[in-house]
Amino acid sequence: MFSESKHQPNGSWYRSRGAVITGMIAVILGFFIIREHWEHLTGRWAYLLLLLCPVMHFFGHGGHGRSNE
Protein backbone atom coordinates (compact mmCIF):
# COMPACT_ATOMS: atom_id res chain seq x y z
CA MET A 1 0.00 0.00 0.00
CA PHE A 2 2.69 2.46 0.94
CA SER A 3 5.28 3.22 -1.64
CA GLU A 4 8.73 3.64 -0.23
CA SER A 5 10.77 6.40 -1.74
CA LYS A 6 14.39 5.40 -2.00
CA HIS A 7 17.03 8.06 -2.00
CA GLN A 8 18.59 8.13 -5.45
CA PRO A 9 21.84 10.02 -5.87
CA ASN A 10 21.37 12.62 -8.58
CA GLY A 11 24.68 12.05 -10.30
CA SER A 12 27.92 13.85 -9.94
CA TRP A 13 29.39 15.19 -6.72
CA TYR A 14 30.40 18.57 -8.12
CA ARG A 15 26.75 19.65 -8.39
CA SER A 16 26.00 18.96 -4.74
CA ARG A 17 25.73 21.55 -1.98
CA GLY A 18 28.94 20.34 -0.36
CA ALA A 19 30.89 20.81 -3.58
CA VAL A 20 29.59 24.35 -4.01
CA ILE A 21 30.55 25.27 -0.44
CA THR A 22 33.97 23.64 -0.84
CA GLY A 23 34.53 25.51 -4.10
CA MET A 24 33.56 28.84 -2.56
CA ILE A 25 35.92 28.31 0.37
CA ALA A 26 38.73 27.34 -2.02
CA VAL A 27 38.22 30.49 -4.11
CA ILE A 28 38.21 32.72 -1.03
CA LEU A 29 41.32 31.08 0.41
CA GLY A 30 43.04 31.23 -2.98
CA PHE A 31 42.30 34.94 -3.25
CA PHE A 32 43.80 35.71 0.15
CA ILE A 33 46.85 33.51 -0.43
CA ILE A 34 47.56 35.18 -3.78
CA ARG A 35 46.98 38.62 -2.28
CA GLU A 36 49.41 38.03 0.56
CA HIS A 37 52.12 36.47 -1.61
CA TRP A 38 51.76 38.63 -4.74
CA GLU A 39 55.35 39.92 -4.59
CA HIS A 40 56.69 36.36 -4.56
CA LEU A 41 54.50 35.25 -7.46
CA THR A 42 55.23 38.09 -9.87
CA GLY A 43 58.84 37.02 -10.36
CA ARG A 44 57.90 33.43 -11.10
CA TRP A 45 55.20 33.68 -13.79
CA ALA A 46 57.20 31.58 -16.27
CA TYR A 47 57.55 28.74 -13.76
CA LEU A 48 53.87 28.90 -12.84
CA LEU A 49 52.93 28.73 -16.52
CA LEU A 50 55.15 25.69 -16.99
CA LEU A 51 53.58 24.07 -13.93
CA LEU A 52 50.14 24.70 -15.37
CA CYS A 53 50.87 22.58 -18.47
CA PRO A 54 51.14 19.17 -16.72
CA VAL A 55 48.24 20.05 -14.45
CA MET A 56 46.03 20.81 -17.45
CA HIS A 57 47.23 17.62 -19.15
CA PHE A 58 46.39 15.56 -16.07
CA PHE A 59 42.84 16.92 -15.63
CA GLY A 60 41.95 17.77 -19.22
CA HIS A 61 41.89 14.48 -21.08
CA GLY A 62 38.72 12.99 -19.64
CA GLY A 63 39.81 9.38 -19.44
CA HIS A 64 41.58 8.64 -22.75
CA GLY A 65 38.79 6.95 -24.66
CA ARG A 66 36.55 5.84 -21.86
CA SER A 67 32.88 6.47 -22.38
CA ASN A 68 31.63 9.57 -20.56
CA GLU A 69 28.06 8.32 -20.32
C-alpha atoms as a PDB file:
ATOM      1  CA  MET A   1       0.000   0.000   0.000  1.00  0.00           C
ATOM      2  CA  PHE A   2       2.688   2.457   0.941  1.00  0.00           C
ATOM      3  CA  SER A   3       5.279   3.220  -1.642  1.00  0.00           C
ATOM      4  CA  GLU A   4       8.727   3.638  -0.232  1.00  0.00           C
ATOM      5  CA  SER A   5      10.772   6.403  -1.739  1.00  0.00           C
ATOM      6  CA  LYS A   6      14.388   5.401  -1.998  1.00  0.00           C
ATOM      7  CA  HIS A   7      17.030   8.058  -1.996  1.00  0.00           C
ATOM      8  CA  GLN A   8      18.589   8.127  -5.447  1.00  0.00           C
ATOM      9  CA  PRO A   9      21.841  10.024  -5.865  1.00  0.00           C
ATOM     10  CA  ASN A  10      21.371  12.622  -8.575  1.00  0.00           C
ATOM     11  CA  GLY A  11      24.680  12.046 -10.295  1.00  0.00           C
ATOM     12  CA  SER A  12      27.921  13.854  -9.936  1.00  0.00           C
ATOM     13  CA  TRP A  13      29.394  15.189  -6.724  1.00  0.00           C
ATOM     14  CA  TYR A  14      30.403  18.575  -8.125  1.00  0.00           C
ATOM     15  CA  ARG A  15      26.755  19.653  -8.393  1.00  0.00           C
ATOM     16  CA  SER A  16      26.001  18.963  -4.735  1.00  0.00           C
ATOM     17  CA  ARG A  17      25.731  21.552  -1.985  1.00  0.00           C
ATOM     18  CA  GLY A  18      28.938  20.339  -0.358  1.00  0.00           C
ATOM     19  CA  ALA A  19      30.887  20.811  -3.578  1.00  0.00           C
ATOM     20  CA  VAL A  20      29.591  24.355  -4.013  1.00  0.00           C
ATOM     21  CA  ILE A  21      30.555  25.266  -0.443  1.00  0.00           C
ATOM     22  CA  THR A  22      33.968  23.640  -0.839  1.00  0.00           C
ATOM     23  CA  GLY A  23      34.526  25.514  -4.098  1.00  0.00           C
ATOM     24  CA  MET A  24      33.557  28.841  -2.563  1.00  0.00           C
ATOM     25  CA  ILE A  25      35.922  28.312   0.370  1.00  0.00           C
ATOM     26  CA  ALA A  26      38.730  27.336  -2.022  1.00  0.00           C
ATOM     27  CA  VAL A  27      38.219  30.487  -4.113  1.00  0.00           C
ATOM     28  CA  ILE A  28      38.210  32.723  -1.035  1.00  0.00           C
ATOM     29  CA  LEU A  29      41.324  31.077   0.407  1.00  0.00           C
ATOM     30  CA  GLY A  30      43.041  31.235  -2.982  1.00  0.00           C
ATOM     31  CA  PHE A  31      42.298  34.941  -3.248  1.00  0.00           C
ATOM     32  CA  PHE A  32      43.800  35.709   0.149  1.00  0.00           C
ATOM     33  CA  ILE A  33      46.847  33.508  -0.428  1.00  0.00           C
ATOM     34  CA  ILE A  34      47.562  35.181  -3.780  1.00  0.00           C
ATOM     35  CA  ARG A  35      46.981  38.623  -2.283  1.00  0.00           C
ATOM     36  CA  GLU A  36      49.410  38.032   0.562  1.00  0.00           C
ATOM     37  CA  HIS A  37      52.120  36.475  -1.614  1.00  0.00           C
ATOM     38  CA  TRP A  38      51.763  38.635  -4.739  1.00  0.00           C
ATOM     39  CA  GLU A  39      55.354  39.916  -4.588  1.00  0.00           C
ATOM     40  CA  HIS A  40      56.689  36.359  -4.555  1.00  0.00           C
ATOM     41  CA  LEU A  41      54.499  35.247  -7.461  1.00  0.00           C
ATOM     42  CA  THR A  42      55.230  38.094  -9.873  1.00  0.00           C
ATOM     43  CA  GLY A  43      58.840  37.023 -10.359  1.00  0.00           C
ATOM     44  CA  ARG A  44      57.897  33.432 -11.096  1.00  0.00           C
ATOM     45  CA  TRP A  45      55.196  33.684 -13.793  1.00  0.00           C
ATOM     46  CA  ALA A  46      57.197  31.583 -16.268  1.00  0.00           C
ATOM     47  CA  TYR A  47      57.546  28.744 -13.757  1.00  0.00           C
ATOM     48  CA  LEU A  48      53.875  28.901 -12.836  1.00  0.00           C
ATOM     49  CA  LEU A  49      52.933  28.729 -16.517  1.00  0.00           C
ATOM     50  CA  LEU A  50      55.154  25.687 -16.994  1.00  0.00           C
ATOM     51  CA  LEU A  51      53.581  24.072 -13.928  1.00  0.00           C
ATOM     52  CA  LEU A  52      50.145  24.699 -15.375  1.00  0.00           C
ATOM     53  CA  CYS A  53      50.873  22.576 -18.474  1.00  0.00           C
ATOM     54  CA  PRO A  54      51.137  19.172 -16.723  1.00  0.00           C
ATOM     55  CA  VAL A  55      48.240  20.049 -14.445  1.00  0.00           C
ATOM     56  CA  MET A  56      46.028  20.811 -17.448  1.00  0.00           C
ATOM     57  CA  HIS A  57      47.235  17.618 -19.146  1.00  0.00           C
ATOM     58  CA  PHE A  58      46.386  15.556 -16.067  1.00  0.00           C
ATOM     59  CA  PHE A  59      42.845  16.922 -15.630  1.00  0.00           C
ATOM     60  CA  GLY A  60      41.951  17.770 -19.221  1.00  0.00           C
ATOM     61  CA  HIS A  61      41.894  14.481 -21.080  1.00  0.00           C
ATOM     62  CA  GLY A  62      38.719  12.989 -19.641  1.00  0.00           C
ATOM     63  CA  GLY A  63      39.809   9.378 -19.439  1.00  0.00           C
ATOM     64  CA  HIS A  64      41.576   8.642 -22.750  1.00  0.00           C
ATOM     65  CA  GLY A  65      38.793   6.947 -24.662  1.00  0.00           C
ATOM     66  CA  ARG A  66      36.547   5.840 -21.859  1.00  0.00           C
ATOM     67  CA  SER A  67      32.882   6.473 -22.384  1.00  0.00           C
ATOM     68  CA  ASN A  68      31.629   9.575 -20.558  1.00  0.00           C
ATOM     69  CA  GLU A  69      28.063   8.324 -20.316  1.00  0.00           C
END
